[in-house]
Structures are given as structure tokens and as C-alpha cells.
Amino acid sequence: MGIELLDEEQYRALQQLETVDKKTSTWIKTPSTIRKLGGGLFCDYRFETIFVYHNGVESYYAARGFRGLLNV
């Protein structure tokens, strides 16, 4: 589709434009070293703070969306 997952820096920039993920969490771009081991990073916004977490992607894949960047 040509859409890239946001990395942590881009996610933080998005939160400056509009507060998102106050009730959900979102996958973000994960370094390949972590992905090769089956892990993934995700973010959310709680208590007026952006949190970055990690987890195994297989167990939570269906419960999270992602935020992407499309260059036109």
C-alpha cells in the first residue's frame, strides 16, 4: 500500500497535533533486531503522557491498530 508505520519520534510528533490513543494502543515501527526475536513496540497516551511498550506480536496482533505515514 505504500504506508509506513510511524516510528516513536513520528508518533510523538502526531500527539503534538492531536491527542490520539487515549483508550487504545497502536503498533509503531520496531527495530529489526527486536522484530527478528518476535517482539514489537506499541504506544498509547495515558495520564497526559506518551507510553512506549513492548510485547510479542503474535499474542496481541488482532487487538491493536497502527498509525501510518503516507508520502504523496
C-alpha atoms as a PDB file:
ATOM      1  CA  MET A   1       0.000   0.000   0.000  1.00  0.00           C
ATOM      2  CA  GLY A   2       2.980   2.314   0.395  1.00  0.00           C
ATOM      3  CA  ILE A   3       2.183   3.123   4.022  1.00  0.00           C
ATOM      4  CA  GLU A   4       4.995   3.124   6.591  1.00  0.00           C
ATOM      5  CA  LEU A   5       4.438   2.555  10.288  1.00  0.00           C
ATOM      6  CA  LEU A   6       5.223   5.617  12.370  1.00  0.00           C
ATOM      7  CA  ASP A   7       8.380   5.394  14.444  1.00  0.00           C
ATOM      8  CA  GLU A   8       8.470   6.667  18.021  1.00  0.00           C
ATOM      9  CA  GLU A   9       9.599  10.173  17.040  1.00  0.00           C
ATOM     10  CA  GLN A  10       6.824  10.492  14.441  1.00  0.00           C
ATOM     11  CA  TYR A  11       4.263   9.167  16.919  1.00  0.00           C
ATOM     12  CA  ARG A  12       5.308  11.815  19.444  1.00  0.00           C
ATOM     13  CA  ALA A  13       5.002  14.493  16.731  1.00  0.00           C
ATOM     14  CA  LEU A  14       1.494  13.241  15.890  1.00  0.00           C
ATOM     15  CA  GLN A  15       0.494  13.594  19.542  1.00  0.00           C
ATOM     16  CA  GLN A  16       1.506  17.277  19.336  1.00  0.00           C
ATOM     17  CA  LEU A  17      -1.002  17.779  16.500  1.00  0.00           C
ATOM     18  CA  GLU A  18      -3.875  15.800  18.010  1.00  0.00           C
ATOM     19  CA  THR A  19      -4.126  13.574  21.065  1.00  0.00           C
ATOM     20  CA  VAL A  20      -4.809  10.003  19.920  1.00  0.00           C
ATOM     21  CA  ASP A  21      -4.868   6.554  21.553  1.00  0.00           C
ATOM     22  CA  LYS A  22      -6.418   7.659  24.830  1.00  0.00           C
ATOM     23  CA  LYS A  23      -8.334   4.366  25.024  1.00  0.00           C
ATOM     24  CA  THR A  24      -6.391   2.146  22.632  1.00  0.00           C
ATOM     25  CA  SER A  25      -2.797   1.358  21.791  1.00  0.00           C
ATOM     26  CA  THR A  26      -1.021   1.437  18.452  1.00  0.00           C
ATOM     27  CA  TRP A  27       1.848  -0.542  16.929  1.00  0.00           C
ATOM     28  CA  ILE A  28       4.815   1.574  15.875  1.00  0.00           C
ATOM     29  CA  LYS A  29       7.870   0.831  13.751  1.00  0.00           C
ATOM     30  CA  THR A  30      10.118  -1.592  15.622  1.00  0.00           C
ATOM     31  CA  PRO A  31      13.854  -2.072  15.064  1.00  0.00           C
ATOM     32  CA  SER A  32      14.587  -5.197  13.005  1.00  0.00           C
ATOM     33  CA  THR A  33      16.683  -6.698  15.822  1.00  0.00           C
ATOM     34  CA  ILE A  34      13.589  -6.771  18.049  1.00  0.00           C
ATOM     35  CA  ARG A  35      11.272  -7.950  15.237  1.00  0.00           C
ATOM     36  CA  LYS A  36      13.584 -10.887  14.429  1.00  0.00           C
ATOM     37  CA  LEU A  37      13.105 -12.064  18.021  1.00  0.00           C
ATOM     38  CA  GLY A  38       9.303 -11.829  17.718  1.00  0.00           C
ATOM     39  CA  GLY A  39       8.834  -8.543  19.561  1.00  0.00           C
ATOM     40  CA  GLY A  40       7.115  -5.322  18.693  1.00  0.00           C
ATOM     41  CA  LEU A  41       6.731  -1.815  20.085  1.00  0.00           C
ATOM     42  CA  PHE A  42       3.466  -0.009  20.680  1.00  0.00           C
ATOM     43  CA  CYS A  43       2.368   3.294  22.177  1.00  0.00           C
ATOM     44  CA  ASP A  44      -0.584   4.895  23.875  1.00  0.00           C
ATOM     45  CA  TYR A  45      -1.467   8.120  25.660  1.00  0.00           C
ATOM     46  CA  ARG A  46      -2.487   7.943  29.318  1.00  0.00           C
ATOM     47  CA  PHE A  47      -2.238  10.377  32.225  1.00  0.00           C
ATOM     48  CA  GLU A  48      -1.136  13.135  29.825  1.00  0.00           C
ATOM     49  CA  THR A  49       1.934  11.030  28.952  1.00  0.00           C
ATOM     50  CA  ILE A  50       3.020   9.011  25.909  1.00  0.00           C
ATOM     51  CA  PHE A  51       3.976   5.469  26.891  1.00  0.00           C
ATOM     52  CA  VAL A  52       6.057   3.094  24.762  1.00  0.00           C
ATOM     53  CA  TYR A  53       5.743  -0.628  25.483  1.00  0.00           C
ATOM     54  CA  HIS A  54       6.964  -3.920  24.058  1.00  0.00           C
ATOM     55  CA  ASN A  55       5.356  -7.298  23.613  1.00  0.00           C
ATOM     56  CA  GLY A  56       5.345 -10.406  21.456  1.00  0.00           C
ATOM     57  CA  VAL A  57       3.465  -9.512  18.307  1.00  0.00           C
ATOM     58  CA  GLU A  58       1.713 -12.842  17.778  1.00  0.00           C
ATOM     59  CA  SER A  59      -0.243 -12.711  21.037  1.00  0.00           C
ATOM     60  CA  TYR A  60      -1.636  -9.194  20.594  1.00  0.00           C
ATOM     61  CA  TYR A  61      -1.712  -8.648  16.845  1.00  0.00           C
ATOM     62  CA  ALA A  62      -5.508  -8.667  16.498  1.00  0.00           C
ATOM     63  CA  ALA A  63      -6.153  -6.226  19.352  1.00  0.00           C
ATOM     64  CA  ARG A  64      -4.090  -3.257  18.114  1.00  0.00           C
ATOM     65  CA  GLY A  65      -4.178  -0.997  15.150  1.00  0.00           C
ATOM     66  CA  PHE A  66      -1.320   1.007  13.710  1.00  0.00           C
ATOM     67  CA  ARG A  67      -0.655   4.566  12.697  1.00  0.00           C
ATOM     68  CA  GLY A  68       0.998   5.109   9.367  1.00  0.00           C
ATOM     69  CA  LEU A  69       2.623   7.679   7.177  1.00  0.00           C
ATOM     70  CA  LEU A  70       1.796   8.012   3.504  1.00  0.00           C
ATOM     71  CA  ASN A  71       4.092  10.154   1.374  1.00  0.00           C
ATOM     72  CA  VAL A  72       2.299  11.610  -1.624  1.00  0.00           C
END
